Structure formats: C-alpha cells, structure tokens
Amino acid sequence: MTKITLIKSSMAVYVDAAVWPYGRMIMCHLLADTEEALHMMADRIGVSRRWFQHRRYPHYDICKAKRALAVKYGAKEINRRQFVAMATKLKHGA
C-alpha cells in the first residue's frame, strides 16, 4: 500500500471583481502570493499557461466561469483597493 501525503499550500490565491469586458466576456484577475500558487490554481481551474501575464505583475486574466471555479477551490475574493495593494506588492517583489 502506498502512502500519499497531501501538502496544503499556505500561500493564498486571489480574484478581484469580474468587471473587465473582453469581447463578449467579462474578465477578472487571478493573482497569488507566489507564482507557484498562481500556476497551481490556474492548472486546477483549467487555464492554460499561455495566458500567464508577467509584464506588470504576475497574474492571469480569467472569465467569470473560471473565477467561480477559483473561488470554489479556495481563492479569496478581494475588492479593488486590496487588488491594487496586492498588484503593487507583486510588482515590486515584496
């Protein structure tokens, strides 16, 4: 019998409000304390790594349906002020 150990990440993943129009979709940002946690959530909700954006700060733009999945899997919902603070922190590598 093989023993499987699950490691729970203590790093948080966040989503802001879905208010950004992109074509017919409404998008939001998915960001996290670490890129590892960010990519783990993206993989879990089915977002391809090709959508990863690192230009200003590491994040993914995701649609409302993917946002709902992220929240279901533990992403914390944040408001605009919290989003700006988090994006600034990530941008400066704090």
PDB file of N, CA and C in Angstrom:
ATOM      1  N   MET A   1       0.852  -1.172   0.000  1.00  0.00           N
ATOM      2  CA  MET A   1       0.000   0.000   0.000  1.00  0.00           C
ATOM      3  C   MET A   1       0.901   1.240   0.000  1.00  0.00           C
ATOM      4  N   THR A   2       0.620   2.178  -0.868  1.00  0.00           N
ATOM      5  CA  THR A   2       1.394   3.408  -0.973  1.00  0.00           C
ATOM      6  C   THR A   2       0.726   4.504  -0.154  1.00  0.00           C
ATOM      7  N   LYS A   3       1.537   5.166   0.628  1.00  0.00           N
ATOM      8  CA  LYS A   3       1.018   6.268   1.434  1.00  0.00           C
ATOM      9  C   LYS A   3       1.128   7.553   0.616  1.00  0.00           C
ATOM     10  N   ILE A   4       0.046   8.284   0.496  1.00  0.00           N
ATOM     11  CA  ILE A   4       0.024   9.540  -0.245  1.00  0.00           C
ATOM     12  C   ILE A   4      -0.073  10.681   0.755  1.00  0.00           C
ATOM     13  N   THR A   5       0.852  11.614   0.644  1.00  0.00           N
ATOM     14  CA  THR A   5       0.853  12.768   1.521  1.00  0.00           C
ATOM     15  C   THR A   5       0.421  13.994   0.728  1.00  0.00           C
ATOM     16  N   LEU A   6      -0.574  14.658   1.207  1.00  0.00           N
ATOM     17  CA  LEU A   6      -1.020  15.888   0.565  1.00  0.00           C
ATOM     18  C   LEU A   6      -0.420  17.067   1.299  1.00  0.00           C
ATOM     19  N   ILE A   7       0.136  17.982   0.528  1.00  0.00           N
ATOM     20  CA  ILE A   7       0.717  19.185   1.113  1.00  0.00           C
ATOM     21  C   ILE A   7      -0.202  20.347   0.786  1.00  0.00           C
ATOM     22  N   LYS A   8      -0.687  20.995   1.803  1.00  0.00           N
ATOM     23  CA  LYS A   8      -1.570  22.125   1.611  1.00  0.00           C
ATOM     24  C   LYS A   8      -0.736  23.403   1.597  1.00  0.00           C
ATOM     25  N   SER A   9      -0.868  24.162   0.530  1.00  0.00           N
ATOM     26  CA  SER A   9      -0.102  25.396   0.405  1.00  0.00           C
ATOM     27  C   SER A   9      -0.657  26.455   1.343  1.00  0.00           C
ATOM     28  N   SER A  10       0.239  27.160   2.017  1.00  0.00           N
ATOM     29  CA  SER A  10      -0.192  28.242   2.895  1.00  0.00           C
ATOM     30  C   SER A  10      -0.246  29.562   2.133  1.00  0.00           C
ATOM     31  N   MET A  11       0.107  29.529   0.873  1.00  0.00           N
ATOM     32  CA  MET A  11       0.074  30.728   0.054  1.00  0.00           C
ATOM     33  C   MET A  11      -1.331  30.941  -0.494  1.00  0.00           C
ATOM     34  N   ALA A  12      -1.776  32.165  -0.434  1.00  0.00           N
ATOM     35  CA  ALA A  12      -3.141  32.472  -0.860  1.00  0.00           C
ATOM     36  C   ALA A  12      -3.201  32.834  -2.341  1.00  0.00           C
ATOM     37  N   VAL A  13      -4.362  32.556  -2.917  1.00  0.00           N
ATOM     38  CA  VAL A  13      -4.686  32.935  -4.290  1.00  0.00           C
ATOM     39  C   VAL A  13      -5.881  33.872  -4.211  1.00  0.00           C
ATOM     40  N   TYR A  14      -5.919  34.880  -5.083  1.00  0.00           N
ATOM     41  CA  TYR A  14      -6.942  35.923  -5.011  1.00  0.00           C
ATOM     42  C   TYR A  14      -7.605  36.147  -6.367  1.00  0.00           C
ATOM     43  N   VAL A  15      -8.865  36.580  -6.332  1.00  0.00           N
ATOM     44  CA  VAL A  15      -9.578  37.041  -7.526  1.00  0.00           C
ATOM     45  C   VAL A  15     -10.246  38.367  -7.199  1.00  0.00           C
ATOM     46  N   ASP A  16     -10.181  39.290  -8.155  1.00  0.00           N
ATOM     47  CA  ASP A  16     -10.893  40.550  -7.960  1.00  0.00           C
ATOM     48  C   ASP A  16     -12.275  40.440  -8.591  1.00  0.00           C
ATOM     49  N   ALA A  17     -13.031  41.510  -8.557  1.00  0.00           N
ATOM     50  CA  ALA A  17     -14.386  41.501  -9.125  1.00  0.00           C
ATOM     51  C   ALA A  17     -14.307  41.360 -10.648  1.00  0.00           C
ATOM     52  N   ALA A  18     -15.230  40.600 -11.197  1.00  0.00           N
ATOM     53  CA  ALA A  18     -15.278  40.398 -12.646  1.00  0.00           C
ATOM     54  C   ALA A  18     -15.985  41.581 -13.301  1.00  0.00           C
ATOM     55  N   VAL A  19     -15.220  42.548 -13.732  1.00  0.00           N
ATOM     56  CA  VAL A  19     -15.820  43.755 -14.310  1.00  0.00           C
ATOM     57  C   VAL A  19     -15.144  44.218 -15.593  1.00  0.00           C
ATOM     58  N   TRP A  20     -14.149  43.471 -16.086  1.00  0.00           N
ATOM     59  CA  TRP A  20     -13.375  43.929 -17.236  1.00  0.00           C
ATOM     60  C   TRP A  20     -13.874  43.290 -18.522  1.00  0.00           C
ATOM     61  N   PRO A  21     -14.523  44.061 -19.423  1.00  0.00           N
ATOM     62  CA  PRO A  21     -15.027  43.486 -20.668  1.00  0.00           C
ATOM     63  C   PRO A  21     -13.892  43.095 -21.616  1.00  0.00           C
ATOM     64  N   TYR A  22     -14.049  41.928 -22.240  1.00  0.00           N
ATOM     65  CA  TYR A  22     -13.116  41.453 -23.257  1.00  0.00           C
ATOM     66  C   TYR A  22     -13.948  40.690 -24.276  1.00  0.00           C
ATOM     67  N   GLY A  23     -14.238  41.331 -25.375  1.00  0.00           N
ATOM     68  CA  GLY A  23     -15.147  40.733 -26.350  1.00  0.00           C
ATOM     69  C   GLY A  23     -16.519  40.564 -25.722  1.00  0.00           C
ATOM     70  N   ARG A  24     -17.048  39.333 -25.761  1.00  0.00           N
ATOM     71  CA  ARG A  24     -18.352  39.036 -25.154  1.00  0.00           C
ATOM     72  C   ARG A  24     -18.237  38.594 -23.709  1.00  0.00           C
ATOM     73  N   MET A  25     -17.016  38.511 -23.217  1.00  0.00           N
ATOM     74  CA  MET A  25     -16.803  38.002 -21.856  1.00  0.00           C
ATOM     75  C   MET A  25     -16.544  39.138 -20.867  1.00  0.00           C
ATOM     76  N   ILE A  26     -16.753  38.820 -19.623  1.00  0.00           N
ATOM     77  CA  ILE A  26     -16.380  39.705 -18.518  1.00  0.00           C
ATOM     78  C   ILE A  26     -15.251  38.999 -17.782  1.00  0.00           C
ATOM     79  N   MET A  27     -14.146  39.703 -17.604  1.00  0.00           N
ATOM     80  CA  MET A  27     -12.941  39.093 -17.053  1.00  0.00           C
ATOM     81  C   MET A  27     -12.594  39.651 -15.673  1.00  0.00           C
ATOM     82  N   CYS A  28     -11.734  38.931 -14.981  1.00  0.00           N
ATOM     83  CA  CYS A  28     -11.169  39.402 -13.717  1.00  0.00           C
ATOM     84  C   CYS A  28      -9.719  38.956 -13.661  1.00  0.00           C
ATOM     85  N   HIS A  29      -9.043  39.318 -12.581  1.00  0.00           N
ATOM     86  CA  HIS A  29      -7.644  38.949 -12.393  1.00  0.00           C
ATOM     87  C   HIS A  29      -7.529  37.828 -11.364  1.00  0.00           C
ATOM     88  N   LEU A  30      -6.656  36.882 -11.661  1.00  0.00           N
ATOM     89  CA  LEU A  30      -6.278  35.825 -10.731  1.00  0.00           C
ATOM     90  C   LEU A  30      -4.824  36.082 -10.368  1.00  0.00           C
ATOM     91  N   LEU A  31      -4.544  36.294  -9.086  1.00  0.00           N
ATOM     92  CA  LEU A  31      -3.184  36.516  -8.639  1.00  0.00           C
ATOM     93  C   LEU A  31      -2.956  35.792  -7.322  1.00  0.00           C
ATOM     94  N   ALA A  32      -1.697  35.684  -6.914  1.00  0.00           N
ATOM     95  CA  ALA A  32      -1.381  34.895  -5.724  1.00  0.00           C
ATOM     96  C   ALA A  32      -0.123  35.418  -5.046  1.00  0.00           C
ATOM     97  N   ASP A  33       0.098  34.928  -3.830  1.00  0.00           N
ATOM     98  CA  ASP A  33       1.283  35.303  -3.071  1.00  0.00           C
ATOM     99  C   ASP A  33       2.568  34.864  -3.769  1.00  0.00           C
ATOM    100  N   THR A  34       2.504  33.729  -4.473  1.00  0.00           N
ATOM    101  CA  THR A  34       3.671  33.220  -5.194  1.00  0.00           C
ATOM    102  C   THR A  34       3.250  32.769  -6.591  1.00  0.00           C
ATOM    103  N   GLU A  35       4.210  32.752  -7.524  1.00  0.00           N
ATOM    104  CA  GLU A  35       3.900  32.256  -8.862  1.00  0.00           C
ATOM    105  C   GLU A  35       3.547  30.774  -8.826  1.00  0.00           C
ATOM    106  N   GLU A  36       4.166  30.028  -7.926  1.00  0.00           N
ATOM    107  CA  GLU A  36       3.856  28.602  -7.801  1.00  0.00           C
ATOM    108  C   GLU A  36       2.378  28.403  -7.457  1.00  0.00           C
ATOM    109  N   ALA A  37       1.890  29.129  -6.461  1.00  0.00           N
ATOM    110  CA  ALA A  37       0.486  29.023  -6.074  1.00  0.00           C
ATOM    111  C   ALA A  37      -0.424  29.490  -7.204  1.00  0.00           C
ATOM    112  N   LEU A  38      -0.016  30.540  -7.898  1.00  0.00           N
ATOM    113  CA  LEU A  38      -0.800  31.066  -9.022  1.00  0.00           C
ATOM    114  C   LEU A  38      -0.942  30.013 -10.112  1.00  0.00           C
ATOM    115  N   HIS A  39       0.172  29.400 -10.511  1.00  0.00           N
ATOM    116  CA  HIS A  39       0.127  28.385 -11.567  1.00  0.00           C
ATOM    117  C   HIS A  39      -0.627  27.132 -11.120  1.00  0.00           C
ATOM    118  N   MET A  40      -0.505  26.779  -9.848  1.00  0.00           N
ATOM    119  CA  MET A  40      -1.246  25.617  -9.346  1.00  0.00           C
ATOM    120  C   MET A  40      -2.750  25.843  -9.468  1.00  0.00           C
ATOM    121  N   MET A  41      -3.211  27.053  -9.116  1.00  0.00           N
ATOM    122  CA  MET A  41      -4.639  27.339  -9.241  1.00  0.00           C
ATOM    123  C   MET A  41      -5.053  27.381 -10.709  1.00  0.00           C
ATOM    124  N   ALA A  42      -4.249  28.017 -11.545  1.00  0.00           N
ATOM    125  CA  ALA A  42      -4.570  28.075 -12.974  1.00  0.00           C
ATOM    126  C   ALA A  42      -4.715  26.665 -13.536  1.00  0.00           C
ATOM    127  N   ASP A  43      -3.788  25.794 -13.184  1.00  0.00           N
ATOM    128  CA  ASP A  43      -3.877  24.399 -13.643  1.00  0.00           C
ATOM    129  C   ASP A  43      -5.156  23.743 -13.135  1.00  0.00           C
ATOM    130  N   ARG A  44      -5.480  23.973 -11.889  1.00  0.00           N
ATOM    131  CA  ARG A  44      -6.650  23.334 -11.276  1.00  0.00           C
ATOM    132  C   ARG A  44      -7.959  23.770 -11.930  1.00  0.00           C
ATOM    133  N   ILE A  45      -8.039  25.054 -12.339  1.00  0.00           N
ATOM    134  CA  ILE A  45      -9.286  25.542 -12.940  1.00  0.00           C
ATOM    135  C   ILE A  45      -9.271  25.460 -14.465  1.00  0.00           C
ATOM    136  N   GLY A  46      -8.195  24.917 -15.028  1.00  0.00           N
ATOM    137  CA  GLY A  46      -8.144  24.686 -16.472  1.00  0.00           C
ATOM    138  C   GLY A  46      -7.747  25.886 -17.307  1.00  0.00           C
ATOM    139  N   VAL A  47      -6.904  26.745 -16.768  1.00  0.00           N
ATOM    140  CA  VAL A  47      -6.413  27.902 -17.528  1.00  0.00           C
ATOM    141  C   VAL A  47      -5.003  27.589 -18.019  1.00  0.00           C
ATOM    142  N   SER A  48      -4.805  27.687 -19.310  1.00  0.00           N
ATOM    143  CA  SER A  48      -3.524  27.364 -19.931  1.00  0.00           C
ATOM    144  C   SER A  48      -2.429  28.350 -19.504  1.00  0.00           C
ATOM    145  N   ARG A  49      -1.215  27.844 -19.376  1.00  0.00           N
ATOM    146  CA  ARG A  49      -0.071  28.689 -19.004  1.00  0.00           C
ATOM    147  C   ARG A  49       0.207  29.764 -20.049  1.00  0.00           C
ATOM    148  N   ARG A  50      -0.269  29.557 -21.266  1.00  0.00           N
ATOM    149  CA  ARG A  50      -0.016  30.573 -22.294  1.00  0.00           C
ATOM    150  C   ARG A  50      -0.743  31.884 -21.984  1.00  0.00           C
ATOM    151  N   TRP A  51      -1.688  31.862 -21.055  1.00  0.00           N
ATOM    152  CA  TRP A  51      -2.413  33.072 -20.668  1.00  0.00           C
ATOM    153  C   TRP A  51      -1.770  33.787 -19.482  1.00  0.00           C
ATOM    154  N   PHE A  52      -0.671  33.222 -18.974  1.00  0.00           N
ATOM    155  CA  PHE A  52       0.043  33.848 -17.866  1.00  0.00           C
ATOM    156  C   PHE A  52       0.616  35.191 -18.316  1.00  0.00           C
ATOM    157  N   GLN A  53       0.456  36.210 -17.473  1.00  0.00           N
ATOM    158  CA  GLN A  53       0.960  37.545 -17.775  1.00  0.00           C
ATOM    159  C   GLN A  53       1.908  37.981 -16.660  1.00  0.00           C
ATOM    160  N   HIS A  54       3.048  38.477 -17.067  1.00  0.00           N
ATOM    161  CA  HIS A  54       4.054  38.869 -16.081  1.00  0.00           C
ATOM    162  C   HIS A  54       4.579  40.273 -16.353  1.00  0.00           C
ATOM    163  N   ARG A  55       4.002  40.950 -17.293  1.00  0.00           N
ATOM    164  CA  ARG A  55       4.533  42.251 -17.713  1.00  0.00           C
ATOM    165  C   ARG A  55       4.589  43.267 -16.579  1.00  0.00           C
ATOM    166  N   ARG A  56       3.479  43.488 -15.913  1.00  0.00           N
ATOM    167  CA  ARG A  56       3.443  44.443 -14.797  1.00  0.00           C
ATOM    168  C   ARG A  56       3.483  43.747 -13.450  1.00  0.00           C
ATOM    169  N   TYR A  57       2.805  42.627 -13.346  1.00  0.00           N
ATOM    170  CA  TYR A  57       2.788  41.805 -12.133  1.00  0.00           C
ATOM    171  C   TYR A  57       2.270  40.438 -12.553  1.00  0.00           C
ATOM    172  N   PRO A  58       2.674  39.372 -11.888  1.00  0.00           N
ATOM    173  CA  PRO A  58       2.250  38.035 -12.305  1.00  0.00           C
ATOM    174  C   PRO A  58       0.766  37.795 -12.038  1.00  0.00           C
ATOM    175  N   HIS A  59       0.025  37.452 -13.097  1.00  0.00           N
ATOM    176  CA  HIS A  59      -1.406  37.188 -12.963  1.00  0.00           C
ATOM    177  C   HIS A  59      -1.940  36.503 -14.211  1.00  0.00           C
ATOM    178  N   TYR A  60      -3.174  36.065 -14.119  1.00  0.00           N
ATOM    179  CA  TYR A  60      -3.940  35.581 -15.260  1.00  0.00           C
ATOM    180  C   TYR A  60      -5.198  36.422 -15.332  1.00  0.00           C
ATOM    181  N   ASP A  61      -5.654  36.713 -16.550  1.00  0.00           N
ATOM    182  CA  ASP A  61      -6.992  37.266 -16.749  1.00  0.00           C
ATOM    183  C   ASP A  61      -7.892  36.056 -16.984  1.00  0.00           C
ATOM    184  N   ILE A  62      -8.956  35.961 -16.197  1.00  0.00           N
ATOM    185  CA  ILE A  62      -9.840  34.799 -16.321  1.00  0.00           C
ATOM    186  C   ILE A  62     -11.295  35.251 -16.447  1.00  0.00           C
ATOM    187  N   CYS A  63     -12.113  34.412 -17.080  1.00  0.00           N
ATOM    188  CA  CYS A  63     -13.529  34.722 -17.257  1.00  0.00           C
ATOM    189  C   CYS A  63     -14.307  34.422 -15.970  1.00  0.00           C
ATOM    190  N   LYS A  64     -15.562  34.853 -15.946  1.00  0.00           N
ATOM    191  CA  LYS A  64     -16.401  34.676 -14.754  1.00  0.00           C
ATOM    192  C   LYS A  64     -16.559  33.203 -14.359  1.00  0.00           C
ATOM    193  N   ALA A  65     -16.663  32.322 -15.341  1.00  0.00           N
ATOM    194  CA  ALA A  65     -16.831  30.896 -15.034  1.00  0.00           C
ATOM    195  C   ALA A  65     -15.580  30.347 -14.338  1.00  0.00           C
ATOM    196  N   LYS A  66     -14.400  30.736 -14.814  1.00  0.00           N
ATOM    197  CA  LYS A  66     -13.155  30.293 -14.178  1.00  0.00           C
ATOM    198  C   LYS A  66     -12.991  30.945 -12.807  1.00  0.00           C
ATOM    199  N   ARG A  67     -13.481  32.177 -12.664  1.00  0.00           N
ATOM    200  CA  ARG A  67     -13.446  32.858 -11.370  1.00  0.00           C
ATOM    201  C   ARG A  67     -14.252  32.058 -10.341  1.00  0.00           C
ATOM    202  N   ALA A  68     -15.448  31.620 -10.766  1.00  0.00           N
ATOM    203  CA  ALA A  68     -16.300  30.830  -9.865  1.00  0.00           C
ATOM    204  C   ALA A  68     -15.595  29.548  -9.436  1.00  0.00           C
ATOM    205  N   LEU A  69     -14.895  28.896 -10.363  1.00  0.00           N
ATOM    206  CA  LEU A  69     -14.139  27.687 -10.010  1.00  0.00           C
ATOM    207  C   LEU A  69     -13.013  28.014  -9.035  1.00  0.00           C
ATOM    208  N   ALA A  70     -12.301  29.114  -9.287  1.00  0.00           N
ATOM    209  CA  ALA A  70     -11.206  29.501  -8.396  1.00  0.00           C
ATOM    210  C   ALA A  70     -11.712  29.731  -6.977  1.00  0.00           C
ATOM    211  N   VAL A  71     -12.846  30.415  -6.855  1.00  0.00           N
ATOM    212  CA  VAL A  71     -13.433  30.658  -5.531  1.00  0.00           C
ATOM    213  C   VAL A  71     -13.837  29.321  -4.898  1.00  0.00           C
ATOM    214  N   LYS A  72     -14.418  28.442  -5.692  1.00  0.00           N
ATOM    215  CA  LYS A  72     -14.803  27.115  -5.195  1.00  0.00           C
ATOM    216  C   LYS A  72     -13.593  26.365  -4.637  1.00  0.00           C
ATOM    217  N   TYR A  73     -12.438  26.545  -5.277  1.00  0.00           N
ATOM    218  CA  TYR A  73     -11.223  25.849  -4.858  1.00  0.00           C
ATOM    219  C   TYR A  73     -10.370  26.653  -3.880  1.00  0.00           C
ATOM    220  N   GLY A  74     -10.926  27.734  -3.334  1.00  0.00           N
ATOM    221  CA  GLY A  74     -10.242  28.416  -2.243  1.00  0.00           C
ATOM    222  C   GLY A  74      -9.679  29.791  -2.501  1.00  0.00           C
ATOM    223  N   ALA A  75      -9.828  30.323  -3.705  1.00  0.00           N
ATOM    224  CA  ALA A  75      -9.335  31.682  -3.960  1.00  0.00           C
ATOM    225  C   ALA A  75     -10.128  32.675  -3.117  1.00  0.00           C
ATOM    226  N   LYS A  76      -9.436  33.666  -2.612  1.00  0.00           N
ATOM    227  CA  LYS A  76     -10.075  34.691  -1.791  1.00  0.00           C
ATOM    228  C   LYS A  76     -10.533  35.844  -2.681  1.00  0.00           C
ATOM    229  N   GLU A  77     -11.777  36.268  -2.470  1.00  0.00           N
ATOM    230  CA  GLU A  77     -12.307  37.400  -3.223  1.00  0.00           C
ATOM    231  C   GLU A  77     -11.802  38.694  -2.583  1.00  0.00           C
ATOM    232  N   ILE A  78     -11.264  39.582  -3.427  1.00  0.00           N
ATOM    233  CA  ILE A  78     -10.739  40.844  -2.915  1.00  0.00           C
ATOM    234  C   ILE A  78     -11.386  42.014  -3.649  1.00  0.00           C
ATOM    235  N   ASN A  79     -11.444  43.153  -2.962  1.00  0.00           N
ATOM    236  CA  ASN A  79     -12.019  44.352  -3.581  1.00  0.00           C
ATOM    237  C   ASN A  79     -10.937  45.106  -4.357  1.00  0.00           C
ATOM    238  N   ARG A  80     -11.321  46.188  -4.982  1.00  0.00           N
ATOM    239  CA  ARG A  80     -10.384  46.940  -5.830  1.00  0.00           C
ATOM    240  C   ARG A  80      -9.188  47.464  -5.036  1.00  0.00           C
ATOM    241  N   ARG A  81      -9.428  47.999  -3.866  1.00  0.00           N
ATOM    242  CA  ARG A  81      -8.328  48.526  -3.045  1.00  0.00           C
ATOM    243  C   ARG A  81      -7.337  47.410  -2.685  1.00  0.00           C
ATOM    244  N   GLN A  82      -7.857  46.262  -2.309  1.00  0.00           N
ATOM    245  CA  GLN A  82      -6.995  45.127  -1.979  1.00  0.00           C
ATOM    246  C   GLN A  82      -6.229  44.640  -3.212  1.00  0.00           C
ATOM    247  N   PHE A  83      -6.913  44.655  -4.360  1.00  0.00           N
ATOM    248  CA  PHE A  83      -6.270  44.245  -5.605  1.00  0.00           C
ATOM    249  C   PHE A  83      -5.093  45.160  -5.937  1.00  0.00           C
ATOM    250  N   VAL A  84      -5.300  46.462  -5.854  1.00  0.00           N
ATOM    251  CA  VAL A  84      -4.229  47.420  -6.160  1.00  0.00           C
ATOM    252  C   VAL A  84      -3.046  47.210  -5.208  1.00  0.00           C
ATOM    253  N   ALA A  85      -3.328  47.007  -3.934  1.00  0.00           N
ATOM    254  CA  ALA A  85      -2.258  46.768  -2.956  1.00  0.00           C
ATOM    255  C   ALA A  85      -1.499  45.486  -3.289  1.00  0.00           C
ATOM    256  N   MET A  86      -2.218  44.425  -3.638  1.00  0.00           N
ATOM    257  CA  MET A  86      -1.577  43.152  -3.964  1.00  0.00           C
ATOM    258  C   MET A  86      -0.755  43.263  -5.252  1.00  0.00           C
ATOM    259  N   ALA A  87      -1.314  43.891  -6.287  1.00  0.00           N
ATOM    260  CA  ALA A  87      -0.601  44.051  -7.542  1.00  0.00           C
ATOM    261  C   ALA A  87       0.677  44.879  -7.357  1.00  0.00           C
ATOM    262  N   THR A  88       0.588  45.920  -6.542  1.00  0.00           N
ATOM    263  CA  THR A  88       1.762  46.755  -6.261  1.00  0.00           C
ATOM    264  C   THR A  88       2.825  45.939  -5.526  1.00  0.00           C
ATOM    265  N   LYS A  89       2.404  45.159  -4.560  1.00  0.00           N
ATOM    266  CA  LYS A  89       3.338  44.309  -3.801  1.00  0.00           C
ATOM    267  C   LYS A  89       4.034  43.326  -4.737  1.00  0.00           C
ATOM    268  N   LEU A  90       3.259  42.692  -5.621  1.00  0.00           N
ATOM    269  CA  LEU A  90       3.843  41.716  -6.550  1.00  0.00           C
ATOM    270  C   LEU A  90       4.771  42.392  -7.551  1.00  0.00           C
ATOM    271  N   LYS A  91       4.391  43.569  -7.997  1.00  0.00           N
ATOM    272  CA  LYS A  91       5.191  44.303  -8.982  1.00  0.00           C
ATOM    273  C   LYS A  91       6.570  44.629  -8.429  1.00  0.00           C
ATOM    274  N   HIS A  92       6.622  44.968  -7.163  1.00  0.00           N
ATOM    275  CA  HIS A  92       7.881  45.370  -6.530  1.00  0.00           C
ATOM    276  C   HIS A  92       8.579  44.214  -5.828  1.00  0.00           C
ATOM    277  N   GLY A  93       8.023  43.028  -5.954  1.00  0.00           N
ATOM    278  CA  GLY A  93       8.644  41.845  -5.393  1.00  0.00           C
ATOM    279  C   GLY A  93       8.689  41.791  -3.887  1.00  0.00           C
ATOM    280  N   ALA A  94       7.751  42.473  -3.240  1.00  0.00           N
ATOM    281  CA  ALA A  94       7.743  42.485  -1.771  1.00  0.00           C
ATOM    282  C   ALA A  94       7.148  41.233  -1.199  1.00  0.00           C
TER     283      ALA A  94
END
